[in-house]
Amino acid sequence: MKLPLGILKLWGRASRALAAVGACAYLFAIAWLRTKAPTRKPRFEYQRFSLVSSDGTRIRGRHASRGRENLVILCHPAVIGQGYAPLVEMGEMLHEELDVVTFDFCGHGRSGGYLTLDMMGPALNLLSVVRYFRERSYHWIGVVGFSLGGIAAITCASRWKCVDAVVSIGAPPKIPDFSNIARHALLGKLILIPLGFRFRVWGEPVAWPLEMVESVSPIPLLLVHGEKEFTYTWNDFQRMWERAREPKERMVLSAGHADTGEEAHLVVDWIKAAMRKSRVSG
């Protein structure tokens, strides 16, 4: 029996609305949990820097320099900004041997602009930060990204080959279809904007790590997964790992989303090893 056209159209609209609610709920859960995450300032000395990203956004960050030729850039998760405590802790550990940079993505902290659904803003912000510090004579630049920061790091490496090593900690291989949120922009605003970060509900993802990860090669890549991860499945992480090309490594840590728990030193050791290996081969 064929259903009337009017009922089919109504069903289609209802399905899209439900999908939008589901995608918004996914983002809301991550965003709400991030507002509860600890933040702090680093214990090392730093200078503030400011630049204009290639998308026109004013980006502000911190640069901890001891005049070295090697640098690591740490990129924060969505909502919480560069004060994310696990990021700051890792930066302090890395600063024993490398110069360190952190910054706020568009729509976060002291930086300008808005975060949008296409997720290209953070990648362009990172690209501009990398180029800014390349001009300051850094020989080797590694990037560590937490969740959204991991998406930006993989995007940057796969599209522009602008860094020398990539670590992705909890970057979702894929997430729900955002196109329905864009069609129900008011719903997205009502749910997400009150959480305190600057978010515009338009655009669709250009690509996700699952699609881009194979293009990171020949840049060394470390994919980090937490046993308590809740934003994506182990199967999706496994698919992303299988698609990645050598040189690649992975770590499964006893931590939650975008965190390394008590095992941050393992990631720090990998970054230092990647730097030394590059120095020898170079």
Protein backbone atom coordinates (compact mmCIF):
# COMPACT_ATOMS: atom_id res chain seq x y z
CA MET A 1 0.00 0.00 0.00
CA LYS A 2 1.37 3.39 -1.00
CA LEU A 3 1.31 6.17 1.56
CA PRO A 4 -0.05 9.59 0.49
CA LEU A 5 2.60 12.06 -0.69
CA GLY A 6 1.73 14.49 2.10
CA ILE A 7 2.43 11.87 4.77
CA LEU A 8 5.74 10.92 3.14
CA LYS A 9 6.84 14.58 3.11
CA LEU A 10 5.79 15.00 6.73
CA TRP A 11 7.72 11.85 7.66
CA GLY A 12 10.80 13.14 5.85
CA ARG A 13 10.67 16.44 7.71
CA ALA A 14 10.19 14.70 11.03
CA SER A 15 13.14 12.38 10.34
CA ARG A 16 15.40 15.32 9.51
CA ALA A 17 14.30 17.17 12.64
CA LEU A 18 15.03 14.10 14.79
CA ALA A 19 18.46 13.75 13.16
CA ALA A 20 19.14 17.41 13.96
CA VAL A 21 18.13 16.84 17.58
CA GLY A 22 20.43 13.81 17.77
CA ALA A 23 23.40 15.71 16.31
CA CYS A 24 22.76 18.65 18.64
CA ALA A 25 22.51 16.29 21.61
CA TYR A 26 25.90 14.80 20.64
CA LEU A 27 27.52 18.23 20.51
CA PHE A 28 25.77 19.36 23.68
CA ALA A 29 27.02 16.35 25.64
CA ILE A 30 30.62 17.00 24.61
CA ALA A 31 30.32 20.73 25.20
CA TRP A 32 28.68 20.36 28.62
CA LEU A 33 31.31 17.89 29.80
CA ARG A 34 34.07 20.21 28.59
CA THR A 35 32.68 23.08 30.69
CA LYS A 36 33.27 20.81 33.71
CA ALA A 37 36.85 19.98 32.70
CA PRO A 38 39.68 21.57 34.73
CA THR A 39 41.63 24.52 33.35
CA ARG A 40 44.77 26.29 34.50
CA LYS A 41 47.66 28.44 33.35
CA PRO A 42 51.08 26.91 32.61
CA ARG A 43 53.82 27.09 35.20
CA PHE A 44 56.48 28.02 32.66
CA GLU A 45 57.14 31.59 31.52
CA TYR A 46 55.65 32.62 28.19
CA GLN A 47 55.00 35.60 25.96
CA ARG A 48 51.65 36.30 24.40
CA PHE A 49 51.43 36.49 20.62
CA SER A 50 48.76 37.60 18.20
CA LEU A 51 48.30 37.06 14.47
CA VAL A 52 45.60 37.24 11.82
CA SER A 53 44.66 33.81 10.48
CA SER A 54 44.25 33.23 6.75
CA ASP A 55 40.47 33.29 7.28
CA GLY A 56 40.72 36.82 8.74
CA THR A 57 40.33 35.79 12.39
CA ARG A 58 42.48 37.34 15.10
CA ILE A 59 44.25 34.46 16.89
CA ARG A 60 45.90 34.88 20.29
CA GLY A 61 48.15 32.46 22.10
CA ARG A 62 51.18 31.78 24.30
CA HIS A 63 54.76 31.14 23.22
CA ALA A 64 57.22 29.61 25.69
CA SER A 65 60.68 29.99 24.16
CA ARG A 66 64.18 29.13 25.31
CA GLY A 67 65.73 29.87 21.94
CA ARG A 68 65.54 26.30 20.66
CA GLU A 69 65.17 25.26 17.03
CA ASN A 70 62.38 22.73 17.71
CA LEU A 71 58.78 23.59 18.58
CA VAL A 72 55.60 21.76 19.53
CA ILE A 73 52.16 23.32 19.07
CA LEU A 74 49.36 22.03 21.30
CA CYS A 75 45.77 22.39 20.09
CA HIS A 76 42.81 22.32 22.48
CA PRO A 77 39.43 20.56 22.32
CA ALA A 78 36.23 22.44 21.49
CA VAL A 79 34.63 24.74 24.07
CA ILE A 80 37.38 24.80 26.69
CA GLY A 81 40.30 26.65 25.05
CA GLN A 82 44.07 26.55 25.55
CA GLY A 83 43.80 26.35 29.34
CA TYR A 84 42.63 22.71 29.15
CA ALA A 85 44.53 21.10 32.03
CA PRO A 86 45.75 17.91 30.24
CA LEU A 87 47.08 20.09 27.41
CA VAL A 88 48.85 22.45 29.83
CA GLU A 89 50.37 19.52 31.71
CA MET A 90 51.72 18.00 28.51
CA GLY A 91 53.09 21.37 27.46
CA GLU A 92 55.02 21.63 30.73
CA MET A 93 56.51 18.19 30.18
CA LEU A 94 57.49 18.97 26.59
CA HIS A 95 58.98 22.33 27.52
CA GLU A 96 61.86 20.53 29.19
CA GLU A 97 63.24 19.87 25.70
CA LEU A 98 61.23 21.91 23.17
CA ASP A 99 59.74 25.37 22.82
CA VAL A 100 55.96 25.29 23.25
CA VAL A 101 53.02 27.14 21.69
CA THR A 102 49.35 27.06 22.66
CA PHE A 103 46.54 29.21 21.26
CA ASP A 104 42.78 29.61 21.19
CA PHE A 105 40.91 28.53 18.07
CA CYS A 106 38.36 30.83 16.46
CA GLY A 107 35.31 31.22 18.70
CA HIS A 108 37.27 30.40 21.85
CA GLY A 109 38.98 32.33 24.62
CA ARG A 110 40.86 35.47 23.60
CA SER A 111 40.70 34.73 19.86
CA GLY A 112 38.08 36.26 17.62
CA GLY A 113 35.59 34.82 15.18
CA TYR A 114 33.24 31.85 15.40
CA LEU A 115 33.47 28.08 15.22
CA THR A 116 31.29 26.75 12.39
CA LEU A 117 30.08 23.32 11.38
CA ASP A 118 32.49 23.00 8.46
CA MET A 119 35.37 22.80 11.00
CA MET A 120 37.81 24.42 8.56
CA GLY A 121 38.35 27.44 10.80
CA PRO A 122 40.56 25.61 13.33
CA ALA A 123 42.60 24.00 10.53
CA LEU A 124 43.22 27.42 8.94
CA ASN A 125 44.06 28.87 12.36
CA LEU A 126 46.63 26.12 12.93
CA LEU A 127 48.09 26.56 9.44
CA SER A 128 48.59 30.28 10.11
CA VAL A 129 50.23 29.60 13.50
CA VAL A 130 52.60 27.06 11.91
CA ARG A 131 53.59 29.49 9.15
CA TYR A 132 54.04 32.30 11.70
CA PHE A 133 56.57 30.27 13.67
CA ARG A 134 58.27 28.78 10.61
CA GLU A 135 59.18 32.37 9.76
CA ARG A 136 60.86 32.57 13.17
CA SER A 137 63.42 29.95 12.13
CA TYR A 138 62.05 26.83 13.80
CA HIS A 139 63.62 23.82 12.11
CA TRP A 140 61.15 21.17 13.38
CA ILE A 141 57.48 21.71 14.32
CA GLY A 142 55.29 18.99 15.79
CA VAL A 143 51.58 19.29 16.55
CA VAL A 144 49.53 17.64 19.30
CA GLY A 145 45.77 17.97 18.97
CA PHE A 146 43.06 17.04 21.48
CA SER A 147 39.69 16.13 19.87
CA LEU A 148 38.87 19.25 17.76
CA GLY A 149 42.59 20.02 17.87
CA GLY A 150 43.27 16.54 16.50
CA ILE A 151 40.86 17.16 13.63
CA ALA A 152 42.72 20.40 12.87
CA ALA A 153 46.11 18.68 13.07
CA ILE A 154 45.14 15.86 10.70
CA THR A 155 43.52 18.34 8.30
CA CYS A 156 46.58 20.57 8.32
CA ALA A 157 49.01 17.73 7.76
CA SER A 158 46.96 16.01 5.06
CA ARG A 159 46.17 19.16 3.06
CA TRP A 160 49.27 21.31 3.42
CA LYS A 161 52.09 19.03 4.68
CA CYS A 162 53.18 21.92 6.88
CA VAL A 163 54.31 20.09 10.05
CA ASP A 164 56.90 17.46 10.92
CA ALA A 165 54.92 15.17 13.26
CA VAL A 166 51.25 14.79 14.24
CA VAL A 167 49.65 13.44 17.41
CA SER A 168 45.86 13.10 17.51
CA ILE A 169 44.35 12.47 20.95
CA GLY A 170 40.67 11.56 20.75
CA ALA A 171 39.91 13.14 17.38
CA PRO A 172 36.54 11.68 16.31
CA PRO A 173 37.01 9.70 13.06
CA LYS A 174 33.50 10.80 12.12
CA ILE A 175 30.54 12.36 13.90
CA PRO A 176 26.80 12.73 13.19
CA ASP A 177 25.56 14.39 10.02
CA PHE A 178 25.52 18.15 10.68
CA SER A 179 23.52 19.07 7.59
CA ASN A 180 20.26 18.74 9.51
CA ILE A 181 21.51 21.15 12.20
CA ALA A 182 22.16 23.71 9.46
CA ARG A 183 18.56 23.28 8.28
CA HIS A 184 17.34 23.83 11.86
CA ALA A 185 19.76 26.61 12.83
CA LEU A 186 17.53 28.06 15.55
CA LEU A 187 17.43 24.70 17.32
CA GLY A 188 21.22 24.47 17.21
CA LYS A 189 21.62 27.99 18.59
CA LEU A 190 19.20 27.39 21.43
CA ILE A 191 21.08 24.25 22.48
CA LEU A 192 24.74 25.16 21.89
CA ILE A 193 25.32 28.89 22.22
CA PRO A 194 24.32 29.15 25.91
CA LEU A 195 27.31 26.91 26.73
CA GLY A 196 29.55 29.95 26.36
CA PHE A 197 31.61 29.57 23.19
CA ARG A 198 31.01 31.43 19.94
CA PHE A 199 29.38 29.05 17.48
CA ARG A 200 27.62 29.64 14.15
CA VAL A 201 25.25 26.96 12.95
CA TRP A 202 25.98 26.86 9.24
CA GLY A 203 28.09 24.90 6.80
CA GLU A 204 28.83 21.20 6.56
CA PRO A 205 32.05 19.33 7.36
CA VAL A 206 34.56 19.47 4.50
CA ALA A 207 36.04 16.13 5.56
CA TRP A 208 36.61 14.09 8.70
CA PRO A 209 39.80 12.39 9.91
CA LEU A 210 38.56 9.02 8.66
CA GLU A 211 38.67 10.43 5.12
CA MET A 212 41.84 12.49 5.45
CA VAL A 213 44.13 10.37 7.59
CA GLU A 214 45.72 8.40 4.76
CA SER A 215 47.03 11.65 3.27
CA VAL A 216 49.03 12.56 6.39
CA SER A 217 51.87 10.27 5.24
CA PRO A 218 54.87 10.67 4.98
CA ILE A 219 54.55 12.80 8.13
CA PRO A 220 54.90 10.61 11.26
CA LEU A 221 51.50 10.08 12.89
CA LEU A 222 50.45 8.92 16.36
CA LEU A 223 46.78 8.11 16.97
CA VAL A 224 45.78 8.00 20.65
CA HIS A 225 42.57 6.33 21.85
CA GLY A 226 41.17 6.24 25.37
CA GLU A 227 39.65 3.06 26.76
CA LYS A 228 36.87 5.20 28.30
CA GLU A 229 36.15 7.07 25.04
CA PHE A 230 32.46 7.83 24.60
CA THR A 231 32.23 10.08 21.53
CA TYR A 232 33.06 7.41 18.95
CA THR A 233 33.44 3.64 18.77
CA TRP A 234 36.50 1.42 18.86
CA ASN A 235 35.53 0.14 15.39
CA ASP A 236 35.69 3.67 13.97
CA PHE A 237 39.10 4.20 15.57
CA GLN A 238 40.27 0.88 14.12
CA ARG A 239 39.07 1.90 10.65
CA MET A 240 40.95 5.19 10.92
CA TRP A 241 44.09 3.35 12.03
CA GLU A 242 43.83 0.92 9.10
CA ARG A 243 43.43 3.76 6.61
CA ALA A 244 46.45 5.65 7.91
CA ARG A 245 49.72 4.98 6.10
CA GLU A 246 53.21 4.52 7.43
CA PRO A 247 54.94 5.95 9.35
CA LYS A 248 52.22 5.53 11.96
CA GLU A 249 51.77 4.32 15.51
CA ARG A 250 48.88 4.06 17.92
CA MET A 251 48.38 4.06 21.67
CA VAL A 252 45.40 2.85 23.66
CA LEU A 253 45.46 4.54 27.06
CA SER A 254 43.37 4.00 30.19
CA ALA A 255 41.79 7.45 29.85
CA GLY A 256 38.62 9.14 28.65
CA HIS A 257 37.89 11.41 25.71
CA ALA A 258 40.69 13.80 24.70
CA ASP A 259 42.77 12.85 27.71
CA THR A 260 45.92 10.88 28.51
CA GLY A 261 45.36 10.44 32.25
CA GLU A 262 48.47 9.23 34.03
CA GLU A 263 50.11 8.18 30.75
CA ALA A 264 50.90 11.58 29.21
CA HIS A 265 54.61 10.73 29.41
CA LEU A 266 54.13 8.05 26.74
CA VAL A 267 52.93 10.66 24.24
CA VAL A 268 55.69 13.06 25.30
CA ASP A 269 58.31 10.35 24.73
CA TRP A 270 56.90 9.65 21.26
CA ILE A 271 57.11 13.32 20.29
CA LYS A 272 60.69 13.62 21.50
CA ALA A 273 61.64 10.43 19.65
CA ALA A 274 60.04 11.72 16.43
CA MET A 275 62.01 14.94 16.78
CA ARG A 276 65.32 13.13 17.33
CA LYS A 277 64.67 10.73 14.47
CA SER A 278 63.99 13.67 12.16
CA ARG A 279 67.23 15.31 13.29
CA VAL A 280 69.21 12.15 12.50
CA SER A 281 67.58 11.54 9.09
CA GLY A 282 67.86 15.21 8.20
